[in-house]
Amino acid sequence: MTLNDKVKEILNDFDNVTTDKIIEILIQIQPFLKSELTQNYLHGKIQGILGIDDGAERKKLCKNLKPYLDWYTQGTYL
């Protein structure tokens, strides 16, 4: 399964995917971001989420990063 397939799978069933899986995929997307500043921003957001124990709060914060998943499926990184 390609990274693009995994991203689409998450987007299709976002509410039922674990935050760990979402974070794992966001980490894989991070190197494809064109700007180092954006890569660092996403890295900081991911680290912030990893520091939270409350599952509902983690999910909410992951939902805020959904545009990165959408962006990746559009293939504009190519």
C-alpha atoms as a PDB file:
ATOM      1  CA  MET A   1       0.000   0.000   0.000  1.00  0.00           C
ATOM      2  CA  THR A   2       1.433   3.364  -1.019  1.00  0.00           C
ATOM      3  CA  LEU A   3       1.616   6.384   1.248  1.00  0.00           C
ATOM      4  CA  ASN A   4      -1.048   8.037  -0.891  1.00  0.00           C
ATOM      5  CA  ASP A   5      -3.348   5.029  -0.328  1.00  0.00           C
ATOM      6  CA  LYS A   6      -2.749   5.202   3.423  1.00  0.00           C
ATOM      7  CA  VAL A   7      -3.555   8.919   3.480  1.00  0.00           C
ATOM      8  CA  LYS A   8      -6.781   8.369   1.544  1.00  0.00           C
ATOM      9  CA  GLU A   9      -7.726   5.533   3.902  1.00  0.00           C
ATOM     10  CA  ILE A  10      -7.290   7.858   6.892  1.00  0.00           C
ATOM     11  CA  LEU A  11      -9.285  10.637   5.255  1.00  0.00           C
ATOM     12  CA  ASN A  12     -12.123   8.237   4.393  1.00  0.00           C
ATOM     13  CA  ASP A  13     -12.477   7.057   7.997  1.00  0.00           C
ATOM     14  CA  PHE A  14     -10.789   9.819  10.000  1.00  0.00           C
ATOM     15  CA  ASP A  15     -12.985   9.536  13.096  1.00  0.00           C
ATOM     16  CA  ASN A  16     -12.174   5.849  13.540  1.00  0.00           C
ATOM     17  CA  VAL A  17      -8.423   6.012  12.894  1.00  0.00           C
ATOM     18  CA  THR A  18      -6.129   6.146  15.913  1.00  0.00           C
ATOM     19  CA  THR A  19      -4.160   9.300  16.557  1.00  0.00           C
ATOM     20  CA  ASP A  20      -0.961   7.227  16.516  1.00  0.00           C
ATOM     21  CA  LYS A  21      -1.710   6.148  12.944  1.00  0.00           C
ATOM     22  CA  ILE A  22      -2.506   9.725  11.887  1.00  0.00           C
ATOM     23  CA  ILE A  23       0.730  10.985  13.431  1.00  0.00           C
ATOM     24  CA  GLU A  24       2.709   8.184  11.799  1.00  0.00           C
ATOM     25  CA  ILE A  25       1.417   9.242   8.380  1.00  0.00           C
ATOM     26  CA  LEU A  26       1.958  12.952   9.063  1.00  0.00           C
ATOM     27  CA  ILE A  27       5.589  12.183   9.912  1.00  0.00           C
ATOM     28  CA  GLN A  28       5.928  10.383   6.572  1.00  0.00           C
ATOM     29  CA  ILE A  29       4.395  13.352   4.719  1.00  0.00           C
ATOM     30  CA  GLN A  30       6.622  15.910   6.437  1.00  0.00           C
ATOM     31  CA  PRO A  31       9.676  15.513   4.112  1.00  0.00           C
ATOM     32  CA  PHE A  32       7.478  16.215   1.071  1.00  0.00           C
ATOM     33  CA  LEU A  33       6.634  19.712   2.285  1.00  0.00           C
ATOM     34  CA  LYS A  34       8.399  22.234   0.078  1.00  0.00           C
ATOM     35  CA  SER A  35       9.575  24.663   2.719  1.00  0.00           C
ATOM     36  CA  GLU A  36      11.774  23.850   5.682  1.00  0.00           C
ATOM     37  CA  LEU A  37       9.751  26.339   7.707  1.00  0.00           C
ATOM     38  CA  THR A  38       6.568  24.370   7.012  1.00  0.00           C
ATOM     39  CA  GLN A  39       8.319  21.099   7.813  1.00  0.00           C
ATOM     40  CA  ASN A  40       9.479  22.519  11.138  1.00  0.00           C
ATOM     41  CA  TYR A  41       5.998  23.863  11.885  1.00  0.00           C
ATOM     42  CA  LEU A  42       4.408  20.455  11.294  1.00  0.00           C
ATOM     43  CA  HIS A  43       7.129  18.798  13.364  1.00  0.00           C
ATOM     44  CA  GLY A  44       6.366  21.136  16.271  1.00  0.00           C
ATOM     45  CA  LYS A  45       2.640  20.434  16.025  1.00  0.00           C
ATOM     46  CA  ILE A  46       3.277  16.684  15.995  1.00  0.00           C
ATOM     47  CA  GLN A  47       5.548  16.949  19.041  1.00  0.00           C
ATOM     48  CA  GLY A  48       2.854  18.933  20.836  1.00  0.00           C
ATOM     49  CA  ILE A  49       0.275  16.249  20.135  1.00  0.00           C
ATOM     50  CA  LEU A  50       2.609  13.503  21.314  1.00  0.00           C
ATOM     51  CA  GLY A  51       2.960  15.321  24.643  1.00  0.00           C
ATOM     52  CA  ILE A  52      -0.774  15.103  25.373  1.00  0.00           C
ATOM     53  CA  ASP A  53      -2.290  12.117  27.184  1.00  0.00           C
ATOM     54  CA  ASP A  54      -5.972  12.947  26.652  1.00  0.00           C
ATOM     55  CA  GLY A  55      -7.161  10.946  23.646  1.00  0.00           C
ATOM     56  CA  ALA A  56     -10.000  13.317  22.762  1.00  0.00           C
ATOM     57  CA  GLU A  57      -7.682  16.321  22.810  1.00  0.00           C
ATOM     58  CA  ARG A  58      -5.121  14.477  20.666  1.00  0.00           C
ATOM     59  CA  LYS A  59      -7.819  13.640  18.119  1.00  0.00           C
ATOM     60  CA  LYS A  60      -8.973  17.265  18.033  1.00  0.00           C
ATOM     61  CA  LEU A  61      -5.431  18.474  17.421  1.00  0.00           C
ATOM     62  CA  CYS A  62      -4.898  15.839  14.724  1.00  0.00           C
ATOM     63  CA  LYS A  63      -8.071  17.032  13.036  1.00  0.00           C
ATOM     64  CA  ASN A  64      -6.497  20.506  12.814  1.00  0.00           C
ATOM     65  CA  LEU A  65      -3.682  18.942  10.751  1.00  0.00           C
ATOM     66  CA  LYS A  66      -6.058  17.313   8.262  1.00  0.00           C
ATOM     67  CA  PRO A  67      -5.194  19.882   5.551  1.00  0.00           C
ATOM     68  CA  TYR A  68      -1.725  18.305   5.318  1.00  0.00           C
ATOM     69  CA  LEU A  69      -3.360  14.989   4.460  1.00  0.00           C
ATOM     70  CA  ASP A  70      -5.608  16.670   1.895  1.00  0.00           C
ATOM     71  CA  TRP A  71      -2.616  18.460   0.395  1.00  0.00           C
ATOM     72  CA  TYR A  72      -0.689  15.212   0.003  1.00  0.00           C
ATOM     73  CA  THR A  73      -3.529  13.488  -1.863  1.00  0.00           C
ATOM     74  CA  GLN A  74      -3.614  16.341  -4.377  1.00  0.00           C
ATOM     75  CA  GLY A  75      -0.115  15.407  -5.534  1.00  0.00           C
ATOM     76  CA  THR A  76       1.147  18.992  -5.600  1.00  0.00           C
ATOM     77  CA  TYR A  77       4.420  17.884  -4.013  1.00  0.00           C
ATOM     78  CA  LEU A  78       5.503  16.206  -7.260  1.00  0.00           C
END
